[in-house]
Amino acid sequence: MLFELYPKESRRELFSRDDVIDYIKRQIHAGNWVVITGQRMIGKTSVVKVVLNELASEGFRTMYINLQGVNSLKTLLKIMVNEANRSSLFRDIDASVNLNIGPLGITVRKGARPMPTLLEFLLSMRKDTVIALDEVQDLASASPQLLKILGNAHSSNPRIRFILTGSYVGLVRALLEPSPTSPLYGRLPVEVRLRPFTHDQSKAFLMRGFSELGMSFNEYDKVVNLLDGIVGWLTLFGNLHGIRGLSLDDALSKVIEEGSKIMLNELDNFLKGRANKRLYLAILEALKHVNRWRDIKAYASFLIGHEIDDRTLDNALTALIRFNLVEKHSEGIYRIIDPILGNMNFMNLTK
């Protein structure tokens, strides 16, 4: 059902993502790698899992790895080996590489350094294989080594493809905007950016979800106006109200409460390591009240107590857009993407 909280794994469980799924599959069949970007709770994991399951039915070997909390290549290799053992993928691995393949599956030779061993593992794939690395930005600390491995695998083993998801920072940015010295320069993956549902799509999503539950519901506009088109928040609301039986207002309050924790963590990740955190918070606070560049500059300058120069504002807005916190419309309008993030008091966060 739409309102169940686990990541979806079949196309019939998803809503309004058919075109995205078909496009990603075409890219994989064409031999391309794919990077799926988009904000938290937008449905990246569900899209990846549906794509992998459909590709598996078409003859591909597939592997899904959630990288949340994974911060080293050694850990990544261990997870890959465990997944290969679990799925019997080791049967499709070239035994001539420096890995031990026994009755219990694959083991990494003792004392092997993580970087070459992970590369050996990828190069050993002898059947068409798709590996999905979800939330790849969590491996930012190991990104230089991983980029070398991905570049080598891209050049040396055409049977392997990657689908990666994550925020547009660190490793993801290095993948999509490689420098001339990058191992992936000239081998750009295809970017697929998931966007929120429109107002009408959000209403249709809720209608279908409540219809599946056999429930009567008529407060669609109230819910969509508050939660916008973020499928994760709409799903959580539907689960709380339709499945767990919370009242309309209690369910909405709970979504805001839980969502605020998630988005505050996302904002902390964005601000980590940035020198002028107050600038970004002032811009986000300004975007709650104004949406044009000139007005954003004036409002944010007032909040921080001095005028922001044009280049600084442009760079800050670009960073916020790349991290999927802000979007820019063709008519020069900026807005905070996530409605829950947009309700925060950003200037209080500087205290």
Protein backbone atom coordinates (compact mmCIF):
# COMPACT_ATOMS: atom_id res chain seq x y z
CA MET A 1 0.00 0.00 0.00
CA LEU A 2 1.10 3.57 -0.62
CA PHE A 3 0.98 4.48 3.07
CA GLU A 4 3.28 1.69 4.28
CA LEU A 5 6.59 3.19 5.37
CA TYR A 6 9.13 0.72 3.99
CA PRO A 7 10.86 1.53 0.66
CA LYS A 8 8.78 0.30 -2.24
CA GLU A 9 10.18 -2.54 -4.36
CA SER A 10 7.69 -2.96 -7.22
CA ARG A 11 6.36 -0.50 -9.76
CA ARG A 12 2.74 -1.03 -8.68
CA GLU A 13 3.65 0.21 -5.19
CA LEU A 14 5.05 3.49 -6.50
CA PHE A 15 3.08 6.53 -7.57
CA SER A 16 3.82 8.67 -10.62
CA ARG A 17 7.41 7.53 -11.18
CA ASP A 18 6.97 5.34 -14.29
CA ASP A 19 8.81 7.74 -16.60
CA VAL A 20 11.76 8.00 -14.20
CA ILE A 21 12.03 4.22 -13.82
CA ASP A 22 11.91 3.65 -17.57
CA TYR A 23 14.51 6.36 -18.21
CA ILE A 24 16.96 4.93 -15.66
CA LYS A 25 16.57 1.43 -17.09
CA ARG A 26 17.27 2.71 -20.61
CA GLN A 27 20.48 4.33 -19.39
CA ILE A 28 21.62 1.14 -17.67
CA HIS A 29 20.88 -0.95 -20.77
CA ALA A 30 22.91 1.58 -22.78
CA GLY A 31 25.89 0.99 -20.49
CA ASN A 32 25.66 4.28 -18.62
CA TRP A 33 25.97 4.90 -14.92
CA VAL A 34 23.28 6.91 -13.14
CA VAL A 35 23.33 9.32 -10.22
CA ILE A 36 19.94 9.99 -8.63
CA THR A 37 19.79 13.27 -6.73
CA GLY A 38 17.03 14.85 -4.69
CA GLN A 39 16.23 15.95 -1.19
CA ARG A 40 15.57 13.66 1.74
CA MET A 41 12.20 11.87 1.77
CA ILE A 42 11.70 12.34 -1.97
CA GLY A 43 11.72 8.59 -2.73
CA LYS A 44 15.22 7.89 -4.08
CA THR A 45 15.55 4.54 -2.32
CA SER A 46 12.18 3.30 -3.58
CA VAL A 47 13.02 4.24 -7.16
CA VAL A 48 16.40 2.45 -6.91
CA LYS A 49 14.89 -0.73 -5.50
CA VAL A 50 12.16 -0.89 -8.15
CA VAL A 51 14.75 -0.36 -10.91
CA LEU A 52 17.01 -3.09 -9.50
CA ASN A 53 14.18 -5.60 -9.22
CA GLU A 54 13.08 -4.97 -12.80
CA LEU A 55 16.65 -5.20 -14.10
CA ALA A 56 17.11 -8.46 -12.19
CA SER A 57 14.10 -9.89 -14.00
CA GLU A 58 15.77 -8.87 -17.27
CA GLY A 59 18.96 -10.83 -16.58
CA PHE A 60 21.16 -8.39 -14.67
CA ARG A 61 22.89 -9.33 -11.45
CA THR A 62 22.03 -6.64 -8.90
CA MET A 63 23.30 -5.47 -5.54
CA TYR A 64 21.84 -2.79 -3.23
CA ILE A 65 23.96 -1.19 -0.48
CA ASN A 66 22.78 1.52 1.91
CA LEU A 67 25.80 3.63 2.79
CA GLN A 68 24.34 5.45 5.77
CA GLY A 69 26.97 5.16 8.47
CA VAL A 70 29.56 3.64 6.10
CA ASN A 71 32.68 5.81 6.16
CA SER A 72 35.49 3.63 4.84
CA LEU A 73 36.27 1.53 1.79
CA LYS A 74 37.09 -1.40 4.05
CA THR A 75 33.55 -1.35 5.45
CA LEU A 76 32.09 -0.95 1.96
CA LEU A 77 34.05 -3.98 0.73
CA LYS A 78 32.87 -6.06 3.68
CA ILE A 79 29.24 -5.17 2.98
CA MET A 80 29.67 -5.93 -0.73
CA VAL A 81 31.23 -9.31 0.02
CA ASN A 82 28.45 -10.17 2.48
CA GLU A 83 25.82 -9.16 -0.07
CA ALA A 84 27.54 -11.20 -2.79
CA ASN A 85 27.56 -14.21 -0.48
CA ARG A 86 23.92 -13.72 0.48
CA SER A 87 22.73 -13.43 -3.10
CA SER A 88 25.07 -16.11 -4.52
CA LEU A 89 26.58 -13.42 -6.72
CA PHE A 90 30.02 -14.89 -5.99
CA ARG A 91 29.25 -17.61 -8.54
CA ASP A 92 29.58 -14.98 -11.26
CA ILE A 93 32.98 -13.73 -10.09
CA ASP A 94 36.24 -14.49 -11.86
CA ALA A 95 38.19 -16.75 -9.50
CA SER A 96 41.53 -15.68 -10.98
CA VAL A 97 41.55 -12.39 -9.06
CA ASN A 98 43.15 -12.16 -5.65
CA LEU A 99 40.06 -13.15 -3.68
CA ASN A 100 39.36 -16.43 -1.94
CA ILE A 101 36.22 -18.18 -3.17
CA GLY A 102 35.20 -21.17 -1.12
CA PRO A 103 32.12 -23.17 -0.16
CA LEU A 104 30.85 -20.29 2.01
CA GLY A 105 31.33 -17.70 -0.70
CA ILE A 106 33.94 -14.95 -1.04
CA THR A 107 36.49 -13.96 1.54
CA VAL A 108 39.06 -11.20 1.19
CA ARG A 109 42.62 -12.41 1.51
CA LYS A 110 44.10 -11.62 4.89
CA GLY A 111 46.04 -8.39 5.11
CA ALA A 112 44.77 -7.02 1.79
CA ARG A 113 44.58 -3.25 1.59
CA PRO A 114 40.99 -2.03 1.08
CA MET A 115 41.56 0.00 -2.07
CA PRO A 116 43.09 -2.59 -4.42
CA THR A 117 40.92 -5.37 -2.99
CA LEU A 118 37.72 -3.43 -3.65
CA LEU A 119 38.91 -2.74 -7.18
CA GLU A 120 39.73 -6.43 -7.67
CA PHE A 121 36.26 -7.30 -6.49
CA LEU A 122 34.64 -4.96 -9.02
CA LEU A 123 36.88 -6.06 -11.86
CA SER A 124 36.09 -9.71 -11.12
CA MET A 125 32.41 -9.32 -12.13
CA ARG A 126 32.00 -11.37 -15.31
CA LYS A 127 28.26 -10.94 -15.86
CA ASP A 128 26.24 -7.75 -16.35
CA THR A 129 25.94 -6.38 -12.84
CA VAL A 130 24.27 -3.26 -11.43
CA ILE A 131 25.43 -2.04 -8.03
CA ALA A 132 23.35 0.60 -6.26
CA LEU A 133 25.09 2.71 -3.61
CA ASP A 134 22.43 4.61 -1.68
CA GLU A 135 23.34 7.88 0.14
CA VAL A 136 26.83 7.86 -1.32
CA GLN A 137 27.71 11.22 0.23
CA ASP A 138 28.29 9.38 3.51
CA LEU A 139 31.53 8.04 1.97
CA ALA A 140 32.87 11.57 1.49
CA SER A 141 35.94 10.90 3.65
CA ALA A 142 37.01 8.15 1.25
CA SER A 143 36.00 9.93 -1.95
CA PRO A 144 39.48 10.35 -3.54
CA GLN A 145 40.18 6.61 -3.31
CA LEU A 146 36.66 5.65 -4.34
CA LEU A 147 36.79 7.94 -7.37
CA LYS A 148 39.97 6.18 -8.51
CA ILE A 149 38.31 2.80 -8.08
CA LEU A 150 35.15 3.86 -9.91
CA GLY A 151 37.20 5.38 -12.73
CA ASN A 152 39.24 2.21 -13.11
CA ALA A 153 36.14 -0.01 -12.99
CA HIS A 154 34.44 2.22 -15.56
CA SER A 155 37.36 1.82 -17.95
CA SER A 156 38.19 -1.81 -17.31
CA ASN A 157 34.93 -3.68 -16.81
CA PRO A 158 32.04 -2.72 -19.10
CA ARG A 159 29.85 -5.37 -17.47
CA ILE A 160 29.47 -3.38 -14.28
CA ARG A 161 27.20 -0.35 -13.88
CA PHE A 162 26.50 1.80 -10.86
CA ILE A 163 23.40 3.61 -9.67
CA LEU A 164 24.31 6.10 -6.97
CA THR A 165 22.06 8.34 -4.91
CA GLY A 166 22.83 11.26 -2.67
CA SER A 167 22.91 14.97 -2.00
CA TYR A 168 24.77 17.17 -4.44
CA VAL A 169 27.89 17.61 -2.33
CA GLY A 170 31.23 15.94 -1.89
CA LEU A 171 31.43 12.70 -3.80
CA VAL A 172 28.24 13.28 -5.80
CA ARG A 173 29.46 16.64 -7.00
CA ALA A 174 32.83 15.10 -7.88
CA LEU A 175 30.97 12.52 -9.97
CA LEU A 176 28.78 15.02 -11.80
CA GLU A 177 31.32 17.84 -12.13
CA PRO A 178 34.71 16.11 -12.29
CA SER A 179 37.84 18.22 -12.60
CA PRO A 180 40.24 17.54 -15.52
CA THR A 181 42.41 15.56 -13.09
CA SER A 182 39.55 13.35 -11.92
CA PRO A 183 39.62 9.63 -12.85
CA LEU A 184 36.05 10.08 -14.10
CA TYR A 185 36.73 13.13 -16.29
CA GLY A 186 35.02 12.56 -19.63
CA ARG A 187 32.94 9.68 -18.25
CA LEU A 188 30.04 11.57 -16.77
CA PRO A 189 27.21 9.51 -15.31
CA VAL A 190 23.64 10.49 -16.17
CA GLU A 191 21.96 12.64 -13.51
CA VAL A 192 18.33 11.95 -12.63
CA ARG A 193 16.91 14.50 -10.21
CA LEU A 194 13.73 13.50 -8.41
CA ARG A 195 11.35 16.38 -7.83
CA PRO A 196 8.38 16.85 -5.51
CA PHE A 197 4.89 16.04 -6.73
CA THR A 198 2.73 18.87 -8.02
CA HIS A 199 -0.27 19.93 -5.95
CA ASP A 200 -2.59 17.82 -8.10
CA GLN A 201 -0.26 14.80 -7.97
CA SER A 202 -0.07 15.09 -4.17
CA LYS A 203 -3.86 15.10 -3.90
CA ALA A 204 -4.09 12.11 -6.24
CA PHE A 205 -1.48 10.28 -4.15
CA LEU A 206 -3.50 10.80 -0.98
CA MET A 207 -6.74 9.83 -2.74
CA ARG A 208 -5.27 6.56 -3.90
CA GLY A 209 -3.75 5.82 -0.50
CA PHE A 210 -6.99 6.38 1.40
CA SER A 211 -8.90 4.48 -1.28
CA GLU A 212 -6.64 1.48 -0.69
CA LEU A 213 -7.60 1.67 2.99
CA GLY A 214 -11.31 2.04 2.20
CA MET A 215 -11.37 5.36 4.06
CA SER A 216 -13.33 8.51 3.37
CA PHE A 217 -11.15 11.62 3.47
CA ASN A 218 -11.77 15.15 2.22
CA GLU A 219 -9.05 17.35 3.76
CA TYR A 220 -6.67 17.01 0.83
CA ASP A 221 -5.95 20.70 0.36
CA LYS A 222 -5.15 21.24 4.05
CA VAL A 223 -2.62 18.41 4.04
CA VAL A 224 -1.03 19.26 0.69
CA ASN A 225 -0.77 22.97 1.53
CA LEU A 226 1.18 22.05 4.65
CA LEU A 227 3.30 19.13 3.39
CA ASP A 228 3.53 20.11 -0.31
CA GLY A 229 4.68 17.38 -2.70
CA ILE A 230 7.26 15.56 -0.57
CA VAL A 231 6.23 11.93 -0.90
CA GLY A 232 7.89 10.90 2.37
CA TRP A 233 5.87 13.38 4.42
CA LEU A 234 2.64 12.53 2.58
CA THR A 235 3.26 8.83 3.20
CA LEU A 236 4.00 9.37 6.88
CA PHE A 237 0.82 11.41 7.27
CA GLY A 238 -1.24 8.74 5.52
CA ASN A 239 0.28 6.06 7.74
CA LEU A 240 -0.35 8.00 10.97
CA HIS A 241 -3.90 9.02 10.09
CA GLY A 242 -5.10 6.15 7.92
CA ILE A 243 -3.33 3.13 9.44
CA ARG A 244 -2.50 4.11 13.04
CA GLY A 245 -5.70 6.10 13.57
CA LEU A 246 -4.34 9.45 14.77
CA SER A 247 -6.63 12.42 14.27
CA LEU A 248 -5.99 14.71 11.32
CA ASP A 249 -4.36 17.42 13.45
CA ASP A 250 -2.38 14.98 15.59
CA ALA A 251 -1.07 13.21 12.48
CA LEU A 252 0.02 16.49 10.92
CA SER A 253 1.68 17.59 14.17
CA LYS A 254 3.55 14.29 14.38
CA VAL A 255 4.78 14.61 10.78
CA ILE A 256 6.06 18.13 11.51
CA GLU A 257 7.74 16.92 14.70
CA GLU A 258 9.49 13.95 13.09
CA GLY A 259 10.23 15.81 9.90
CA SER A 260 11.84 18.70 11.76
CA LYS A 261 14.34 16.31 13.33
CA ILE A 262 15.26 14.86 9.95
CA MET A 263 15.54 18.22 8.21
CA LEU A 264 17.56 19.73 11.07
CA ASN A 265 20.03 16.87 10.67
CA GLU A 266 20.11 17.49 6.92
CA LEU A 267 20.77 21.19 7.51
CA ASP A 268 23.55 20.33 9.97
CA ASN A 269 25.15 18.13 7.30
CA PHE A 270 25.00 21.01 4.84
CA LEU A 271 26.52 23.52 7.26
CA LYS A 272 29.28 21.18 8.44
CA GLY A 273 32.64 22.66 7.59
CA ARG A 274 31.23 25.90 6.16
CA ALA A 275 32.90 29.05 7.47
CA ASN A 276 29.93 31.46 7.36
CA LYS A 277 27.01 29.44 8.70
CA ARG A 278 25.11 32.58 9.70
CA LEU A 279 25.02 33.70 6.06
CA TYR A 280 23.27 30.53 4.89
CA LEU A 281 20.81 30.63 7.79
CA ALA A 282 20.02 34.28 7.04
CA ILE A 283 19.34 33.42 3.38
CA LEU A 284 17.04 30.57 4.37
CA GLU A 285 15.22 32.85 6.83
CA ALA A 286 14.86 35.48 4.09
CA LEU A 287 13.39 32.88 1.73
CA LYS A 288 10.51 32.36 4.15
CA HIS A 289 9.39 35.94 3.40
CA VAL A 290 10.73 36.93 -0.04
CA ASN A 291 11.70 35.01 -3.16
CA ARG A 292 13.48 37.31 -5.63
CA TRP A 293 17.26 37.74 -5.69
CA ARG A 294 17.29 41.46 -4.85
CA ASP A 295 14.83 41.04 -1.99
CA ILE A 296 16.72 38.02 -0.63
CA LYS A 297 19.91 40.07 -0.60
CA ALA A 298 18.27 42.98 1.23
CA TYR A 299 16.51 40.79 3.79
CA ALA A 300 19.53 38.55 4.52
CA SER A 301 21.83 41.60 4.76
CA PHE A 302 19.49 43.13 7.33
CA LEU A 303 19.52 39.91 9.38
CA ILE A 304 23.31 39.63 9.56
CA GLY A 305 23.90 43.37 10.01
CA HIS A 306 25.91 44.20 6.90
CA GLU A 307 25.46 44.13 3.13
CA ILE A 308 26.17 40.85 1.37
CA ASP A 309 28.15 41.27 -1.84
CA ASP A 310 26.64 39.84 -5.03
CA ARG A 311 29.17 37.05 -5.58
CA THR A 312 28.84 35.82 -2.01
CA LEU A 313 25.06 35.66 -2.33
CA ASP A 314 25.24 33.88 -5.69
CA ASN A 315 27.68 31.28 -4.35
CA ALA A 316 25.58 30.67 -1.25
CA LEU A 317 22.37 30.26 -3.25
CA THR A 318 24.13 27.88 -5.65
CA ALA A 319 25.33 25.76 -2.73
CA LEU A 320 21.82 25.63 -1.25
CA ILE A 321 20.40 24.61 -4.62
CA ARG A 322 22.98 21.88 -5.15
CA PHE A 323 22.21 20.41 -1.75
CA ASN A 324 18.50 20.30 -2.68
CA LEU A 325 17.48 22.69 0.06
CA VAL A 326 16.47 25.49 -2.34
CA GLU A 327 15.24 25.51 -5.92
CA LYS A 328 15.30 28.24 -8.55
CA HIS A 329 12.46 28.66 -11.01
CA SER A 330 12.95 29.91 -14.56
CA GLU A 331 11.26 33.23 -13.74
CA GLY A 332 13.97 34.04 -11.19
CA ILE A 333 12.02 32.90 -8.15
CA TYR A 334 13.81 31.03 -5.34
CA ARG A 335 12.09 28.92 -2.73
CA ILE A 336 12.86 26.43 0.01
CA ILE A 337 11.92 23.00 -1.35
CA ASP A 338 10.89 21.20 1.81
CA PRO A 339 7.83 22.67 3.57
CA ILE A 340 8.95 21.42 6.98
CA LEU A 341 12.35 23.03 6.59
CA GLY A 342 10.58 26.22 5.51
CA ASN A 343 8.78 26.44 8.85
CA MET A 344 11.96 26.50 10.95
CA ASN A 345 13.26 29.60 12.72
CA PHE A 346 16.73 29.65 11.20
CA MET A 347 18.11 32.60 13.12
CA ASN A 348 17.48 30.80 16.41
CA LEU A 349 19.87 28.11 15.19
CA THR A 350 22.77 30.58 15.35
CA LYS A 351 22.42 31.01 19.11
